[in-house]
Amino acid sequence: MQQLQIKLPTQLQSDLNDIKRDLENLKTHFQPKKPQTYLSRAEVSKMLNVSFVTLNKWNKSGRLKAVGIGGRVLYRQSDIDNAIVEL
């Protein structure tokens, strides 16, 4: 059985090699995105030992940003972690 070999244009071959290199790099350095964790006002209040009023004040001042869905007030775990500062 005969094999047919096709010579690709130089630019196309170069582009294919770049794509292969990028894919290999992506496979070795890929970090999946962690899903966001959301906490309720009650959970955050208990975690930080503060009242709902304090959480509302922090939200209005921008210290701790609240998000909501369907009338529920939620806080991102990452926002809470970022708001806590070392003294």
Foldseek 3Di string as FASTA:
>chain_A
DDDDDDDDDPVVVVVVVVVVVVVVVCVVPPDDDDDWDKDFLVVVCVVVVHDSVVVVVCCVVVLFPWDDDPPTTIGTPVSVVVSDDDD
